[in-house]
Structure formats: structure tokens, C-alpha cells
Amino acid sequence: MCQLRVRLRYADRREALLNDIAAIQVAPDSITLSALFEPPRELCGFDIQHIDSLRNEVLLVQRSVEKQNGEHP
């Protein structure tokens, strides 16, 4: 199996790295990341900026600082 690594870049320039992402669902208001054996993680206010298929990496960038963590509760 080949999972993705997702890098989150927040509006305040912090970054977080999420490993073993198996699926990404994109909706108008949110992006949902699914990993095996974990509940889905729903992010709002993020855009996909870059997909690197050679490195199995996706970069998501937060649009603004309105939501500090960018996640729905």
C-alpha cells in the first residue's frame, strides 16, 4: 500500500506533518483526510497548493488566520 504524507501550512507559518493518509476528499468548504485505523480529520479554510506524486506528498495551505487550528470540532 502507498499512503500519502500531508503537510499543513497554517496562515501563521506553522507547519504540521500528517503521515499515512489513505484518502483525501475535497468539498467546497472543507478537506477531509482519512488514515487507516483513525477517524477522519476534517479541515476547513485550506486549499491544495501542491501535489508531488514522486514523493507521495500533498501540501495544504490555510487561507487565513480566522480559524487558528483550521479544523471542525
PDB file of N, CA and C in Angstrom:
ATOM      1  N   MET A   1       0.844  -1.182   0.000  1.00  0.00           N
ATOM      2  CA  MET A   1       0.000   0.000   0.000  1.00  0.00           C
ATOM      3  C   MET A   1       0.886   1.241   0.000  1.00  0.00           C
ATOM      4  N   CYS A   2       0.320   2.303  -0.515  1.00  0.00           N
ATOM      5  CA  CYS A   2       1.086   3.532  -0.650  1.00  0.00           C
ATOM      6  C   CYS A   2       0.268   4.700  -0.099  1.00  0.00           C
ATOM      7  N   GLN A   3       0.574   5.109   1.109  1.00  0.00           N
ATOM      8  CA  GLN A   3      -0.141   6.229   1.719  1.00  0.00           C
ATOM      9  C   GLN A   3       0.585   7.535   1.421  1.00  0.00           C
ATOM     10  N   LEU A   4      -0.135   8.618   1.644  1.00  0.00           N
ATOM     11  CA  LEU A   4       0.400   9.952   1.402  1.00  0.00           C
ATOM     12  C   LEU A   4       0.882  10.606   2.691  1.00  0.00           C
ATOM     13  N   ARG A   5       1.790  11.526   2.513  1.00  0.00           N
ATOM     14  CA  ARG A   5       2.190  12.409   3.588  1.00  0.00           C
ATOM     15  C   ARG A   5       1.556  13.759   3.261  1.00  0.00           C
ATOM     16  N   VAL A   6       0.853  14.357   4.224  1.00  0.00           N
ATOM     17  CA  VAL A   6       0.205  15.651   4.012  1.00  0.00           C
ATOM     18  C   VAL A   6       0.864  16.673   4.923  1.00  0.00           C
ATOM     19  N   ARG A   7       1.329  17.735   4.307  1.00  0.00           N
ATOM     20  CA  ARG A   7       1.938  18.833   5.055  1.00  0.00           C
ATOM     21  C   ARG A   7       0.912  19.953   5.143  1.00  0.00           C
ATOM     22  N   LEU A   8       0.625  20.394   6.355  1.00  0.00           N
ATOM     23  CA  LEU A   8      -0.299  21.506   6.582  1.00  0.00           C
ATOM     24  C   LEU A   8       0.522  22.753   6.859  1.00  0.00           C
ATOM     25  N   ARG A   9       0.282  23.794   6.083  1.00  0.00           N
ATOM     26  CA  ARG A   9       0.941  25.075   6.344  1.00  0.00           C
ATOM     27  C   ARG A   9      -0.141  26.055   6.776  1.00  0.00           C
ATOM     28  N   TYR A  10      -0.074  26.450   8.046  1.00  0.00           N
ATOM     29  CA  TYR A  10      -1.063  27.365   8.609  1.00  0.00           C
ATOM     30  C   TYR A  10      -0.748  28.800   8.198  1.00  0.00           C
ATOM     31  N   ALA A  11      -1.742  29.670   8.272  1.00  0.00           N
ATOM     32  CA  ALA A  11      -1.590  31.069   7.875  1.00  0.00           C
ATOM     33  C   ALA A  11      -0.523  31.791   8.698  1.00  0.00           C
ATOM     34  N   ASP A  12      -0.301  31.348   9.934  1.00  0.00           N
ATOM     35  CA  ASP A  12       0.729  31.974  10.775  1.00  0.00           C
ATOM     36  C   ASP A  12       2.108  31.329  10.579  1.00  0.00           C
ATOM     37  N   ARG A  13       2.251  30.546   9.502  1.00  0.00           N
ATOM     38  CA  ARG A  13       3.502  29.916   9.070  1.00  0.00           C
ATOM     39  C   ARG A  13       3.910  28.666   9.844  1.00  0.00           C
ATOM     40  N   ARG A  14       3.096  28.238  10.803  1.00  0.00           N
ATOM     41  CA  ARG A  14       3.370  26.954  11.463  1.00  0.00           C
ATOM     42  C   ARG A  14       3.139  25.851  10.439  1.00  0.00           C
ATOM     43  N   GLU A  15       3.775  24.718  10.646  1.00  0.00           N
ATOM     44  CA  GLU A  15       3.548  23.561   9.784  1.00  0.00           C
ATOM     45  C   GLU A  15       3.333  22.324  10.634  1.00  0.00           C
ATOM     46  N   ALA A  16       2.541  21.421  10.099  1.00  0.00           N
ATOM     47  CA  ALA A  16       2.311  20.120  10.726  1.00  0.00           C
ATOM     48  C   ALA A  16       2.414  19.065   9.637  1.00  0.00           C
ATOM     49  N   LEU A  17       2.859  17.894  10.012  1.00  0.00           N
ATOM     50  CA  LEU A  17       3.018  16.803   9.068  1.00  0.00           C
ATOM     51  C   LEU A  17       2.124  15.645   9.483  1.00  0.00           C
ATOM     52  N   LEU A  18       1.317  15.173   8.559  1.00  0.00           N
ATOM     53  CA  LEU A  18       0.444  14.029   8.808  1.00  0.00           C
ATOM     54  C   LEU A  18       0.886  12.892   7.898  1.00  0.00           C
ATOM     55  N   ASN A  19       1.158  11.746   8.488  1.00  0.00           N
ATOM     56  CA  ASN A  19       1.621  10.593   7.715  1.00  0.00           C
ATOM     57  C   ASN A  19       0.507   9.574   7.543  1.00  0.00           C
ATOM     58  N   ASP A  20       0.695   8.685   6.590  1.00  0.00           N
ATOM     59  CA  ASP A  20      -0.188   7.542   6.357  1.00  0.00           C
ATOM     60  C   ASP A  20      -1.617   7.946   6.007  1.00  0.00           C
ATOM     61  N   ILE A  21      -1.780   8.989   5.207  1.00  0.00           N
ATOM     62  CA  ILE A  21      -3.104   9.398   4.752  1.00  0.00           C
ATOM     63  C   ILE A  21      -3.491   8.524   3.567  1.00  0.00           C
ATOM     64  N   ALA A  22      -4.625   7.863   3.667  1.00  0.00           N
ATOM     65  CA  ALA A  22      -5.068   6.927   2.637  1.00  0.00           C
ATOM     66  C   ALA A  22      -6.012   7.563   1.624  1.00  0.00           C
ATOM     67  N   ALA A  23      -6.739   8.625   2.023  1.00  0.00           N
ATOM     68  CA  ALA A  23      -7.703   9.248   1.118  1.00  0.00           C
ATOM     69  C   ALA A  23      -7.886  10.721   1.475  1.00  0.00           C
ATOM     70  N   ILE A  24      -8.153  11.520   0.441  1.00  0.00           N
ATOM     71  CA  ILE A  24      -8.436  12.946   0.614  1.00  0.00           C
ATOM     72  C   ILE A  24      -9.724  13.255  -0.130  1.00  0.00           C
ATOM     73  N   GLN A  25     -10.694  13.826   0.580  1.00  0.00           N
ATOM     74  CA  GLN A  25     -11.952  14.254  -0.033  1.00  0.00           C
ATOM     75  C   GLN A  25     -12.003  15.769  -0.002  1.00  0.00           C
ATOM     76  N   VAL A  26     -12.298  16.372  -1.144  1.00  0.00           N
ATOM     77  CA  VAL A  26     -12.352  17.827  -1.235  1.00  0.00           C
ATOM     78  C   VAL A  26     -13.790  18.261  -1.463  1.00  0.00           C
ATOM     79  N   ALA A  27     -14.277  19.152  -0.612  1.00  0.00           N
ATOM     80  CA  ALA A  27     -15.613  19.748  -0.725  1.00  0.00           C
ATOM     81  C   ALA A  27     -15.418  21.259  -0.795  1.00  0.00           C
ATOM     82  N   PRO A  28     -16.449  22.010  -1.162  1.00  0.00           N
ATOM     83  CA  PRO A  28     -16.299  23.463  -1.263  1.00  0.00           C
ATOM     84  C   PRO A  28     -15.809  24.131   0.023  1.00  0.00           C
ATOM     85  N   ASP A  29     -16.217  23.628   1.190  1.00  0.00           N
ATOM     86  CA  ASP A  29     -15.862  24.282   2.450  1.00  0.00           C
ATOM     87  C   ASP A  29     -14.870  23.516   3.305  1.00  0.00           C
ATOM     88  N   SER A  30     -14.485  22.321   2.880  1.00  0.00           N
ATOM     89  CA  SER A  30     -13.610  21.520   3.742  1.00  0.00           C
ATOM     90  C   SER A  30     -12.811  20.503   2.938  1.00  0.00           C
ATOM     91  N   ILE A  31     -11.773  20.003   3.578  1.00  0.00           N
ATOM     92  CA  ILE A  31     -10.974  18.897   3.053  1.00  0.00           C
ATOM     93  C   ILE A  31     -10.922  17.851   4.154  1.00  0.00           C
ATOM     94  N   THR A  32     -11.274  16.618   3.826  1.00  0.00           N
ATOM     95  CA  THR A  32     -11.283  15.537   4.809  1.00  0.00           C
ATOM     96  C   THR A  32     -10.152  14.570   4.506  1.00  0.00           C
ATOM     97  N   LEU A  33      -9.326  14.326   5.514  1.00  0.00           N
ATOM     98  CA  LEU A  33      -8.206  13.405   5.402  1.00  0.00           C
ATOM     99  C   LEU A  33      -8.541  12.127   6.152  1.00  0.00           C
ATOM    100  N   SER A  34      -8.346  10.993   5.503  1.00  0.00           N
ATOM    101  CA  SER A  34      -8.627   9.705   6.136  1.00  0.00           C
ATOM    102  C   SER A  34      -7.360   8.869   6.195  1.00  0.00           C
ATOM    103  N   ALA A  35      -7.089   8.354   7.382  1.00  0.00           N
ATOM    104  CA  ALA A  35      -5.964   7.446   7.586  1.00  0.00           C
ATOM    105  C   ALA A  35      -6.519   6.105   8.050  1.00  0.00           C
ATOM    106  N   LEU A  36      -5.759   5.060   7.830  1.00  0.00           N
ATOM    107  CA  LEU A  36      -6.202   3.740   8.266  1.00  0.00           C
ATOM    108  C   LEU A  36      -6.265   3.689   9.785  1.00  0.00           C
ATOM    109  N   PHE A  37      -7.320   3.102  10.308  1.00  0.00           N
ATOM    110  CA  PHE A  37      -7.498   2.874  11.742  1.00  0.00           C
ATOM    111  C   PHE A  37      -7.616   4.144  12.573  1.00  0.00           C
ATOM    112  N   GLU A  38      -7.915   5.276  11.954  1.00  0.00           N
ATOM    113  CA  GLU A  38      -8.116   6.542  12.670  1.00  0.00           C
ATOM    114  C   GLU A  38      -9.381   7.206  12.145  1.00  0.00           C
ATOM    115  N   PRO A  39     -10.046   8.014  12.975  1.00  0.00           N
ATOM    116  CA  PRO A  39     -11.223   8.729  12.476  1.00  0.00           C
ATOM    117  C   PRO A  39     -10.796   9.783  11.453  1.00  0.00           C
ATOM    118  N   PRO A  40     -11.670  10.103  10.501  1.00  0.00           N
ATOM    119  CA  PRO A  40     -11.345  11.136   9.514  1.00  0.00           C
ATOM    120  C   PRO A  40     -11.087  12.480  10.190  1.00  0.00           C
ATOM    121  N   ARG A  41     -10.246  13.269   9.578  1.00  0.00           N
ATOM    122  CA  ARG A  41      -9.891  14.590  10.094  1.00  0.00           C
ATOM    123  C   ARG A  41     -10.379  15.617   9.074  1.00  0.00           C
ATOM    124  N   GLU A  42     -11.296  16.474   9.501  1.00  0.00           N
ATOM    125  CA  GLU A  42     -11.894  17.464   8.608  1.00  0.00           C
ATOM    126  C   GLU A  42     -11.253  18.835   8.825  1.00  0.00           C
ATOM    127  N   LEU A  43     -10.714  19.401   7.763  1.00  0.00           N
ATOM    128  CA  LEU A  43     -10.076  20.707   7.810  1.00  0.00           C
ATOM    129  C   LEU A  43     -10.917  21.710   7.035  1.00  0.00           C
ATOM    130  N   CYS A  44     -11.039  22.920   7.554  1.00  0.00           N
ATOM    131  CA  CYS A  44     -11.752  23.958   6.803  1.00  0.00           C
ATOM    132  C   CYS A  44     -10.803  25.124   6.578  1.00  0.00           C
ATOM    133  N   GLY A  45     -11.023  25.842   5.487  1.00  0.00           N
ATOM    134  CA  GLY A  45     -10.192  27.001   5.187  1.00  0.00           C
ATOM    135  C   GLY A  45      -8.836  26.668   4.596  1.00  0.00           C
ATOM    136  N   PHE A  46      -8.670  25.473   4.043  1.00  0.00           N
ATOM    137  CA  PHE A  46      -7.412  25.069   3.424  1.00  0.00           C
ATOM    138  C   PHE A  46      -7.606  24.850   1.930  1.00  0.00           C
ATOM    139  N   ASP A  47      -6.544  25.076   1.175  1.00  0.00           N
ATOM    140  CA  ASP A  47      -6.519  24.794  -0.257  1.00  0.00           C
ATOM    141  C   ASP A  47      -5.358  23.857  -0.547  1.00  0.00           C
ATOM    142  N   ILE A  48      -5.520  23.029  -1.569  1.00  0.00           N
ATOM    143  CA  ILE A  48      -4.409  22.197  -2.025  1.00  0.00           C
ATOM    144  C   ILE A  48      -3.503  23.096  -2.858  1.00  0.00           C
ATOM    145  N   GLN A  49      -2.248  23.218  -2.434  1.00  0.00           N
ATOM    146  CA  GLN A  49      -1.317  24.064  -3.172  1.00  0.00           C
ATOM    147  C   GLN A  49      -0.395  23.255  -4.068  1.00  0.00           C
ATOM    148  N   HIS A  50      -0.057  22.025  -3.630  1.00  0.00           N
ATOM    149  CA  HIS A  50       0.921  21.252  -4.392  1.00  0.00           C
ATOM    150  C   HIS A  50       0.705  19.760  -4.146  1.00  0.00           C
ATOM    151  N   ILE A  51       0.794  18.985  -5.219  1.00  0.00           N
ATOM    152  CA  ILE A  51       0.754  17.521  -5.122  1.00  0.00           C
ATOM    153  C   ILE A  51       2.022  17.000  -5.783  1.00  0.00           C
ATOM    154  N   ASP A  52       2.830  16.278  -5.015  1.00  0.00           N
ATOM    155  CA  ASP A  52       4.082  15.715  -5.525  1.00  0.00           C
ATOM    156  C   ASP A  52       3.947  14.197  -5.530  1.00  0.00           C
ATOM    157  N   SER A  53       3.673  13.627  -6.688  1.00  0.00           N
ATOM    158  CA  SER A  53       3.442  12.187  -6.761  1.00  0.00           C
ATOM    159  C   SER A  53       4.728  11.378  -6.622  1.00  0.00           C
ATOM    160  N   LEU A  54       5.862  11.972  -6.913  1.00  0.00           N
ATOM    161  CA  LEU A  54       7.125  11.250  -6.729  1.00  0.00           C
ATOM    162  C   LEU A  54       7.475  11.081  -5.262  1.00  0.00           C
ATOM    163  N   ARG A  55       7.098  12.054  -4.442  1.00  0.00           N
ATOM    164  CA  ARG A  55       7.387  11.993  -3.006  1.00  0.00           C
ATOM    165  C   ARG A  55       6.169  11.563  -2.194  1.00  0.00           C
ATOM    166  N   ASN A  56       5.042  11.298  -2.857  1.00  0.00           N
ATOM    167  CA  ASN A  56       3.788  10.938  -2.178  1.00  0.00           C
ATOM    168  C   ASN A  56       3.418  11.983  -1.135  1.00  0.00           C
ATOM    169  N   GLU A  57       3.477  13.251  -1.537  1.00  0.00           N
ATOM    170  CA  GLU A  57       3.231  14.339  -0.590  1.00  0.00           C
ATOM    171  C   GLU A  57       2.248  15.356  -1.167  1.00  0.00           C
ATOM    172  N   VAL A  58       1.379  15.850  -0.288  1.00  0.00           N
ATOM    173  CA  VAL A  58       0.416  16.882  -0.638  1.00  0.00           C
ATOM    174  C   VAL A  58       0.616  18.042   0.327  1.00  0.00           C
ATOM    175  N   LEU A  59       0.620  19.276  -0.205  1.00  0.00           N
ATOM    176  CA  LEU A  59       0.752  20.466   0.620  1.00  0.00           C
ATOM    177  C   LEU A  59      -0.594  21.183   0.667  1.00  0.00           C
ATOM    178  N   LEU A  60      -1.141  21.350   1.879  1.00  0.00           N
ATOM    179  CA  LEU A  60      -2.370  22.098   2.092  1.00  0.00           C
ATOM    180  C   LEU A  60      -2.015  23.393   2.802  1.00  0.00           C
ATOM    181  N   VAL A  61      -2.545  24.514   2.294  1.00  0.00           N
ATOM    182  CA  VAL A  61      -2.218  25.830   2.847  1.00  0.00           C
ATOM    183  C   VAL A  61      -3.491  26.491   3.345  1.00  0.00           C
ATOM    184  N   GLN A  62      -3.439  27.010   4.568  1.00  0.00           N
ATOM    185  CA  GLN A  62      -4.590  27.684   5.160  1.00  0.00           C
ATOM    186  C   GLN A  62      -4.761  29.056   4.521  1.00  0.00           C
ATOM    187  N   ARG A  63      -6.013  29.415   4.233  1.00  0.00           N
ATOM    188  CA  ARG A  63      -6.304  30.689   3.570  1.00  0.00           C
ATOM    189  C   ARG A  63      -6.112  31.897   4.467  1.00  0.00           C
ATOM    190  N   SER A  64      -6.519  31.820   5.744  1.00  0.00           N
ATOM    191  CA  SER A  64      -6.433  32.969   6.642  1.00  0.00           C
ATOM    192  C   SER A  64      -6.260  32.499   8.072  1.00  0.00           C
ATOM    193  N   VAL A  65      -6.057  33.443   8.977  1.00  0.00           N
ATOM    194  CA  VAL A  65      -5.832  33.108  10.379  1.00  0.00           C
ATOM    195  C   VAL A  65      -7.141  33.047  11.152  1.00  0.00           C
ATOM    196  N   GLU A  66      -8.281  33.205  10.491  1.00  0.00           N
ATOM    197  CA  GLU A  66      -9.581  33.224  11.171  1.00  0.00           C
ATOM    198  C   GLU A  66      -9.766  32.043  12.108  1.00  0.00           C
ATOM    199  N   LYS A  67      -9.478  30.844  11.630  1.00  0.00           N
ATOM    200  CA  LYS A  67      -9.610  29.652  12.461  1.00  0.00           C
ATOM    201  C   LYS A  67      -8.198  29.205  12.816  1.00  0.00           C
ATOM    202  N   GLN A  68      -7.832  29.306  14.057  1.00  0.00           N
ATOM    203  CA  GLN A  68      -6.463  29.025  14.474  1.00  0.00           C
ATOM    204  C   GLN A  68      -6.023  27.602  14.138  1.00  0.00           C
ATOM    205  N   ASN A  69      -6.875  26.621  14.356  1.00  0.00           N
ATOM    206  CA  ASN A  69      -6.436  25.262  14.080  1.00  0.00           C
ATOM    207  C   ASN A  69      -6.955  24.754  12.755  1.00  0.00           C
ATOM    208  N   GLY A  70      -7.896  25.431  12.136  1.00  0.00           N
ATOM    209  CA  GLY A  70      -8.373  25.044  10.834  1.00  0.00           C
ATOM    210  C   GLY A  70      -9.195  23.772  10.801  1.00  0.00           C
ATOM    211  N   GLU A  71      -9.602  23.256  11.944  1.00  0.00           N
ATOM    212  CA  GLU A  71     -10.343  22.002  11.984  1.00  0.00           C
ATOM    213  C   GLU A  71     -11.737  22.221  12.544  1.00  0.00           C
ATOM    214  N   HIS A  72     -12.664  21.422  12.021  1.00  0.00           N
ATOM    215  CA  HIS A  72     -14.012  21.396  12.604  1.00  0.00           C
ATOM    216  C   HIS A  72     -13.935  20.562  13.875  1.00  0.00           C
ATOM    217  N   PRO A  73     -14.685  20.939  14.902  1.00  0.00           N
ATOM    218  CA  PRO A  73     -14.659  20.162  16.150  1.00  0.00           C
ATOM    219  C   PRO A  73     -15.227  18.764  15.974  1.00  0.00           C
TER     220      PRO A  73
END
